């Protein structure tokens, strides 16, 4: 709803007061979930080393080239890259 608020306002589906309430509620919910973020991530059982994996950043840039599998060890990829240069 928040992302499409301009449309809702333009079409008269929400007034300015309702739009402000949506924004406030969105911010409140983000704070509520944010306070539990670590527990939520841990609940998925994702290993610590994957929290900052390259694919977790800009996936378009990461997949621009052959990355030899998203879950392969970075050292393995580097060794393969160096062998290819020989």
N, C-alpha and C. Protein backbone atom coordinates (compact mmCIF):
# COMPACT_ATOMS: atom_id res chain seq x y z
N UNK A 1 0.84 -1.19 0.00
CA UNK A 1 0.00 0.00 0.00
C UNK A 1 0.88 1.25 0.00
N UNK A 2 1.93 1.22 0.83
CA UNK A 2 2.81 2.38 0.94
C UNK A 2 3.46 2.70 -0.41
N UNK A 3 3.90 1.66 -1.11
CA UNK A 3 4.58 1.88 -2.39
C UNK A 3 3.65 2.47 -3.45
N UNK A 4 2.36 2.21 -3.35
CA UNK A 4 1.40 2.69 -4.34
C UNK A 4 0.55 3.85 -3.81
N UNK A 5 1.02 4.50 -2.75
CA UNK A 5 0.22 5.55 -2.12
C UNK A 5 -0.11 6.68 -3.09
N UNK A 6 0.79 7.04 -3.97
CA UNK A 6 0.51 8.12 -4.92
C UNK A 6 -0.73 7.79 -5.75
N UNK A 7 -0.83 6.57 -6.21
CA UNK A 7 -2.00 6.15 -6.98
C UNK A 7 -3.27 6.24 -6.13
N UNK A 8 -3.19 5.73 -4.91
CA UNK A 8 -4.36 5.75 -4.03
C UNK A 8 -4.83 7.17 -3.74
N UNK A 9 -3.87 8.08 -3.54
CA UNK A 9 -4.22 9.48 -3.30
C UNK A 9 -4.83 10.11 -4.56
N UNK A 10 -4.22 9.85 -5.70
CA UNK A 10 -4.70 10.41 -6.97
C UNK A 10 -6.11 9.94 -7.29
N UNK A 11 -6.38 8.68 -7.02
CA UNK A 11 -7.69 8.11 -7.31
C UNK A 11 -8.71 8.38 -6.22
N UNK A 12 -8.30 9.06 -5.15
CA UNK A 12 -9.22 9.39 -4.08
C UNK A 12 -9.55 8.23 -3.15
N UNK A 13 -8.73 7.19 -3.20
CA UNK A 13 -8.98 6.03 -2.34
C UNK A 13 -8.49 6.27 -0.92
N UNK A 14 -7.50 7.15 -0.77
CA UNK A 14 -6.99 7.57 0.54
C UNK A 14 -6.94 9.07 0.57
N UNK A 15 -7.13 9.64 1.76
CA UNK A 15 -6.88 11.08 1.90
C UNK A 15 -5.51 11.26 2.56
N UNK A 16 -5.07 12.50 2.70
CA UNK A 16 -3.75 12.77 3.24
C UNK A 16 -3.58 12.20 4.65
N UNK A 17 -4.62 12.28 5.45
CA UNK A 17 -4.55 11.73 6.81
C UNK A 17 -4.32 10.23 6.82
N UNK A 18 -5.02 9.53 5.95
CA UNK A 18 -4.85 8.08 5.86
C UNK A 18 -3.45 7.74 5.37
N UNK A 19 -2.94 8.52 4.42
CA UNK A 19 -1.59 8.29 3.90
C UNK A 19 -0.56 8.44 5.02
N UNK A 20 -0.74 9.44 5.87
CA UNK A 20 0.18 9.64 6.99
C UNK A 20 0.10 8.46 7.96
N UNK A 21 -1.09 7.95 8.18
CA UNK A 21 -1.26 6.80 9.08
C UNK A 21 -0.59 5.55 8.52
N UNK A 22 -0.70 5.36 7.20
CA UNK A 22 -0.04 4.21 6.56
C UNK A 22 1.46 4.33 6.75
N UNK A 23 2.01 5.53 6.55
CA UNK A 23 3.45 5.74 6.71
C UNK A 23 3.88 5.47 8.15
N UNK A 24 3.11 5.97 9.12
CA UNK A 24 3.43 5.75 10.53
C UNK A 24 3.40 4.26 10.88
N UNK A 25 2.38 3.57 10.39
CA UNK A 25 2.26 2.14 10.67
C UNK A 25 3.39 1.35 10.03
N UNK A 26 3.76 1.72 8.82
CA UNK A 26 4.88 1.06 8.14
C UNK A 26 6.16 1.23 8.95
N UNK A 27 6.42 2.44 9.41
CA UNK A 27 7.62 2.70 10.21
C UNK A 27 7.58 1.93 11.52
N UNK A 28 6.41 1.86 12.16
CA UNK A 28 6.28 1.13 13.41
C UNK A 28 6.56 -0.36 13.20
N UNK A 29 6.00 -0.92 12.13
CA UNK A 29 6.21 -2.34 11.85
C UNK A 29 7.67 -2.64 11.51
N UNK A 30 8.32 -1.75 10.78
CA UNK A 30 9.74 -1.94 10.46
C UNK A 30 10.58 -1.95 11.73
N UNK A 31 10.28 -1.04 12.65
CA UNK A 31 11.01 -1.02 13.93
C UNK A 31 10.76 -2.30 14.71
N UNK A 32 9.53 -2.76 14.71
CA UNK A 32 9.18 -3.98 15.45
C UNK A 32 9.91 -5.19 14.88
N UNK A 33 9.89 -5.33 13.57
CA UNK A 33 10.58 -6.46 12.93
C UNK A 33 12.09 -6.28 13.03
N UNK A 34 12.56 -5.04 12.86
CA UNK A 34 13.99 -4.77 12.94
C UNK A 34 14.59 -5.17 14.27
N UNK A 35 13.83 -4.99 15.34
CA UNK A 35 14.31 -5.36 16.67
C UNK A 35 14.49 -6.86 16.80
N UNK A 36 13.84 -7.61 15.94
CA UNK A 36 13.92 -9.08 15.99
C UNK A 36 14.70 -9.66 14.81
N UNK A 37 15.37 -8.81 14.06
CA UNK A 37 16.02 -9.24 12.82
C UNK A 37 17.01 -10.37 13.02
N UNK A 38 17.86 -10.26 14.02
CA UNK A 38 18.87 -11.30 14.23
C UNK A 38 18.20 -12.63 14.55
N UNK A 39 17.21 -12.62 15.43
CA UNK A 39 16.50 -13.86 15.76
C UNK A 39 15.79 -14.43 14.54
N UNK A 40 15.23 -13.57 13.70
CA UNK A 40 14.55 -14.05 12.49
C UNK A 40 15.54 -14.71 11.54
N UNK A 41 16.68 -14.09 11.33
CA UNK A 41 17.70 -14.67 10.44
C UNK A 41 18.20 -15.99 11.01
N UNK A 42 18.46 -16.02 12.31
CA UNK A 42 18.93 -17.26 12.93
C UNK A 42 17.88 -18.36 12.82
N UNK A 43 16.61 -17.98 12.85
CA UNK A 43 15.52 -18.94 12.73
C UNK A 43 15.49 -19.68 11.40
N UNK A 44 16.04 -19.06 10.36
CA UNK A 44 16.11 -19.73 9.05
C UNK A 44 17.27 -20.70 8.98
N UNK A 45 18.18 -20.64 9.95
CA UNK A 45 19.32 -21.55 9.97
C UNK A 45 20.35 -21.25 8.89
N UNK A 46 20.40 -20.03 8.42
CA UNK A 46 21.38 -19.65 7.39
C UNK A 46 22.74 -19.50 8.05
N UNK A 47 23.76 -20.22 7.56
CA UNK A 47 25.09 -20.13 8.17
C UNK A 47 25.63 -18.69 8.14
N UNK A 48 26.40 -18.35 9.15
CA UNK A 48 26.96 -17.00 9.27
C UNK A 48 27.73 -16.59 8.02
N UNK A 49 28.47 -17.51 7.42
CA UNK A 49 29.30 -17.16 6.27
C UNK A 49 28.46 -16.76 5.06
N UNK A 50 27.19 -17.15 5.05
CA UNK A 50 26.33 -16.78 3.92
C UNK A 50 25.63 -15.44 4.12
N UNK A 51 25.67 -14.89 5.32
CA UNK A 51 24.99 -13.62 5.59
C UNK A 51 25.56 -12.49 4.74
N UNK A 52 26.83 -12.60 4.40
CA UNK A 52 27.47 -11.54 3.63
C UNK A 52 28.03 -12.08 2.31
N UNK A 53 27.39 -13.11 1.78
CA UNK A 53 27.81 -13.68 0.51
C UNK A 53 27.61 -12.67 -0.61
N UNK A 54 28.45 -12.74 -1.66
CA UNK A 54 28.32 -11.78 -2.77
C UNK A 54 26.91 -11.71 -3.35
N UNK A 55 26.22 -12.84 -3.42
CA UNK A 55 24.87 -12.86 -3.99
C UNK A 55 23.90 -12.05 -3.14
N UNK A 56 24.24 -11.84 -1.86
CA UNK A 56 23.37 -11.08 -0.97
C UNK A 56 23.46 -9.57 -1.24
N UNK A 57 24.38 -9.17 -2.07
CA UNK A 57 24.56 -7.76 -2.40
C UNK A 57 23.80 -7.44 -3.70
N UNK A 58 24.50 -7.06 -4.72
CA UNK A 58 23.88 -6.71 -6.00
C UNK A 58 23.85 -7.95 -6.89
N UNK A 59 22.72 -8.66 -6.91
CA UNK A 59 22.64 -9.93 -7.63
C UNK A 59 22.81 -9.77 -9.13
N UNK A 60 22.43 -8.62 -9.67
CA UNK A 60 22.61 -8.42 -11.11
C UNK A 60 24.10 -8.36 -11.46
N UNK A 61 24.86 -7.63 -10.68
CA UNK A 61 26.31 -7.54 -10.91
C UNK A 61 26.94 -8.90 -10.66
N UNK A 62 26.53 -9.57 -9.58
CA UNK A 62 27.11 -10.87 -9.23
C UNK A 62 26.90 -11.89 -10.34
N UNK A 63 25.76 -11.87 -10.98
CA UNK A 63 25.44 -12.86 -12.00
C UNK A 63 25.79 -12.41 -13.42
N UNK A 64 26.44 -11.26 -13.54
CA UNK A 64 26.84 -10.79 -14.86
C UNK A 64 27.83 -11.76 -15.51
N UNK A 65 28.71 -12.33 -14.70
CA UNK A 65 29.71 -13.28 -15.19
C UNK A 65 29.41 -14.65 -14.59
N UNK A 66 30.03 -15.68 -15.16
CA UNK A 66 29.87 -17.02 -14.61
C UNK A 66 30.53 -17.06 -13.24
N UNK A 67 29.75 -17.30 -12.21
CA UNK A 67 30.29 -17.31 -10.85
C UNK A 67 30.54 -18.73 -10.34
N UNK A 68 30.39 -19.71 -11.20
CA UNK A 68 30.68 -21.11 -10.88
C UNK A 68 29.87 -21.61 -9.68
N UNK A 69 28.69 -21.12 -9.52
CA UNK A 69 27.82 -21.56 -8.43
C UNK A 69 27.87 -20.60 -7.26
N UNK A 70 26.73 -20.20 -6.80
CA UNK A 70 26.66 -19.20 -5.74
C UNK A 70 27.21 -19.71 -4.42
N UNK A 71 27.18 -21.01 -4.19
CA UNK A 71 27.56 -21.52 -2.89
C UNK A 71 28.98 -22.06 -2.83
N UNK A 72 29.71 -21.99 -3.94
CA UNK A 72 31.08 -22.47 -3.90
C UNK A 72 31.94 -21.57 -3.04
N UNK A 73 32.94 -22.15 -2.46
CA UNK A 73 33.88 -21.44 -1.61
C UNK A 73 34.62 -20.38 -2.43
N UNK A 74 34.77 -19.19 -1.86
CA UNK A 74 35.44 -18.09 -2.55
C UNK A 74 36.88 -18.46 -2.92
N UNK A 75 37.58 -19.17 -2.05
CA UNK A 75 38.97 -19.56 -2.33
C UNK A 75 39.02 -20.49 -3.54
N UNK A 76 38.04 -21.38 -3.66
CA UNK A 76 37.99 -22.28 -4.81
C UNK A 76 37.81 -21.49 -6.10
N UNK A 77 36.92 -20.50 -6.07
CA UNK A 77 36.70 -19.68 -7.27
C UNK A 77 37.96 -18.91 -7.65
N UNK A 78 38.65 -18.38 -6.64
CA UNK A 78 39.87 -17.63 -6.92
C UNK A 78 40.93 -18.54 -7.52
N UNK A 79 41.09 -19.75 -6.98
CA UNK A 79 42.06 -20.69 -7.52
C UNK A 79 41.70 -21.06 -8.96
N UNK A 80 40.45 -21.27 -9.23
CA UNK A 80 40.02 -21.61 -10.59
C UNK A 80 40.30 -20.44 -11.55
N UNK A 81 40.08 -19.21 -11.08
CA UNK A 81 40.34 -18.03 -11.90
C UNK A 81 41.83 -17.93 -12.21
N UNK A 82 42.66 -18.17 -11.23
CA UNK A 82 44.11 -18.10 -11.42
C UNK A 82 44.60 -19.19 -12.37
N UNK A 83 44.05 -20.40 -12.24
CA UNK A 83 44.43 -21.48 -13.16
C UNK A 83 44.05 -21.13 -14.60
N UNK A 84 42.91 -20.47 -14.76
CA UNK A 84 42.47 -20.12 -16.11
C UNK A 84 43.41 -19.09 -16.75
N UNK A 85 44.11 -18.33 -15.94
CA UNK A 85 45.02 -17.32 -16.47
C UNK A 85 46.32 -17.94 -16.97
N UNK A 86 46.63 -19.20 -16.57
CA UNK A 86 47.88 -19.85 -16.97
C UNK A 86 47.88 -20.27 -18.40
